[in-house]
């Protein structure tokens, strides 16, 4: 698999975004509070770390959340760092 063929999907039941990788499942977990989507945890299989998969996952998750009208609240260190590098995804946090 390559990053181009890995689709990010929203698993509303589990309150997370998911992406299959060669070594397992990458996830971005969130909580919803009113009109806010609070991203609390991001995880990529250890063998896939450093390959840009978490950035692809989080970018797609934040874009989807924004398209659905949610305010983004980064509460996970990876999402905080991602929003700092890509301020167009943040809400000024």
Protein backbone atom coordinates (compact mmCIF):
# COMPACT_ATOMS: atom_id res chain seq x y z
CA UNK A 1 0.00 0.00 0.00
CA UNK A 2 1.02 3.57 -0.56
CA UNK A 3 -0.33 6.74 0.99
CA UNK A 4 -2.12 7.43 -2.30
CA UNK A 5 -4.17 4.22 -2.08
CA UNK A 6 -5.00 4.41 1.63
CA UNK A 7 -8.50 5.72 2.17
CA UNK A 8 -9.45 7.51 5.37
CA UNK A 9 -12.88 6.57 6.66
CA UNK A 10 -15.03 7.99 9.45
CA UNK A 11 -16.16 5.40 11.99
CA UNK A 12 -18.83 7.39 13.83
CA UNK A 13 -19.74 4.46 16.10
CA UNK A 14 -16.17 4.26 17.44
CA UNK A 15 -15.74 8.06 17.30
CA UNK A 16 -12.60 7.90 15.22
CA UNK A 17 -11.17 8.23 11.76
CA UNK A 18 -9.39 5.15 10.43
CA UNK A 19 -6.92 4.25 7.72
CA UNK A 20 -5.58 0.79 6.91
CA UNK A 21 -1.81 0.53 6.50
CA UNK A 22 0.43 -2.40 5.59
CA UNK A 23 0.96 -3.04 9.31
CA UNK A 24 -2.47 -2.45 10.80
CA UNK A 25 -4.90 0.35 11.54
CA UNK A 26 -4.04 4.03 11.99
CA UNK A 27 -6.61 5.96 14.04
CA UNK A 28 -7.49 9.51 15.04
CA UNK A 29 -9.87 9.42 18.02
CA UNK A 30 -12.21 12.28 18.90
CA UNK A 31 -14.97 13.33 21.28
CA UNK A 32 -17.90 15.47 20.18
CA UNK A 33 -19.14 18.24 22.44
CA UNK A 34 -21.80 20.42 20.91
CA UNK A 35 -20.40 21.80 17.69
CA UNK A 36 -16.83 20.87 18.61
CA UNK A 37 -14.80 17.84 17.59
CA UNK A 38 -12.01 17.31 20.14
CA UNK A 39 -9.20 15.15 18.76
CA UNK A 40 -7.78 13.25 21.74
CA UNK A 41 -5.51 10.53 20.34
CA UNK A 42 -3.68 9.61 17.16
CA UNK A 43 -2.02 6.24 16.66
CA UNK A 44 -0.16 4.63 13.77
CA UNK A 45 1.26 1.09 13.82
CA UNK A 46 4.92 1.33 15.00
CA UNK A 47 6.23 -0.09 11.70
CA UNK A 48 4.49 2.77 9.86
CA UNK A 49 5.71 5.66 12.00
CA UNK A 50 7.59 8.39 10.19
CA UNK A 51 6.05 7.62 6.80
CA UNK A 52 3.53 10.48 6.74
CA UNK A 53 0.50 8.28 7.39
CA UNK A 54 -0.55 10.12 10.56
CA UNK A 55 -0.41 13.44 8.69
CA UNK A 56 -2.54 12.03 5.88
CA UNK A 57 -5.04 10.61 8.39
CA UNK A 58 -5.27 13.75 10.52
CA UNK A 59 -5.45 16.06 7.50
CA UNK A 60 -8.38 14.10 6.08
CA UNK A 61 -10.08 13.87 9.48
CA UNK A 62 -9.82 17.61 10.12
CA UNK A 63 -11.03 18.44 6.61
CA UNK A 64 -14.04 16.15 7.06
CA UNK A 65 -14.84 17.55 10.50
CA UNK A 66 -14.65 21.10 9.16
CA UNK A 67 -16.83 20.19 6.13
CA UNK A 68 -19.41 18.80 8.55
CA UNK A 69 -19.48 22.12 10.41
CA UNK A 70 -17.46 21.21 13.50
CA UNK A 71 -15.02 23.47 15.28
CA UNK A 72 -11.67 21.68 15.63
CA UNK A 73 -10.13 21.31 19.09
CA UNK A 74 -6.69 19.65 19.07
CA UNK A 75 -6.13 17.84 22.39
CA UNK A 76 -3.59 15.27 21.17
CA UNK A 77 0.06 16.30 20.81
CA UNK A 78 0.22 15.11 17.20
CA UNK A 79 -2.90 17.03 16.20
CA UNK A 80 -1.62 20.14 18.00
CA UNK A 81 1.64 19.93 16.04
CA UNK A 82 -0.22 19.24 12.78
CA UNK A 83 -2.46 22.31 13.21
CA UNK A 84 0.61 24.44 13.94
CA UNK A 85 2.13 23.29 10.63
CA UNK A 86 -1.21 23.60 8.79
CA UNK A 87 -3.06 26.54 10.38
CA UNK A 88 -5.83 26.35 7.78
CA UNK A 89 -7.14 23.34 9.72
CA UNK A 90 -7.23 25.03 13.12
CA UNK A 91 -9.56 27.36 14.93
CA UNK A 92 -6.88 29.59 16.40
CA UNK A 93 -5.69 27.20 19.11
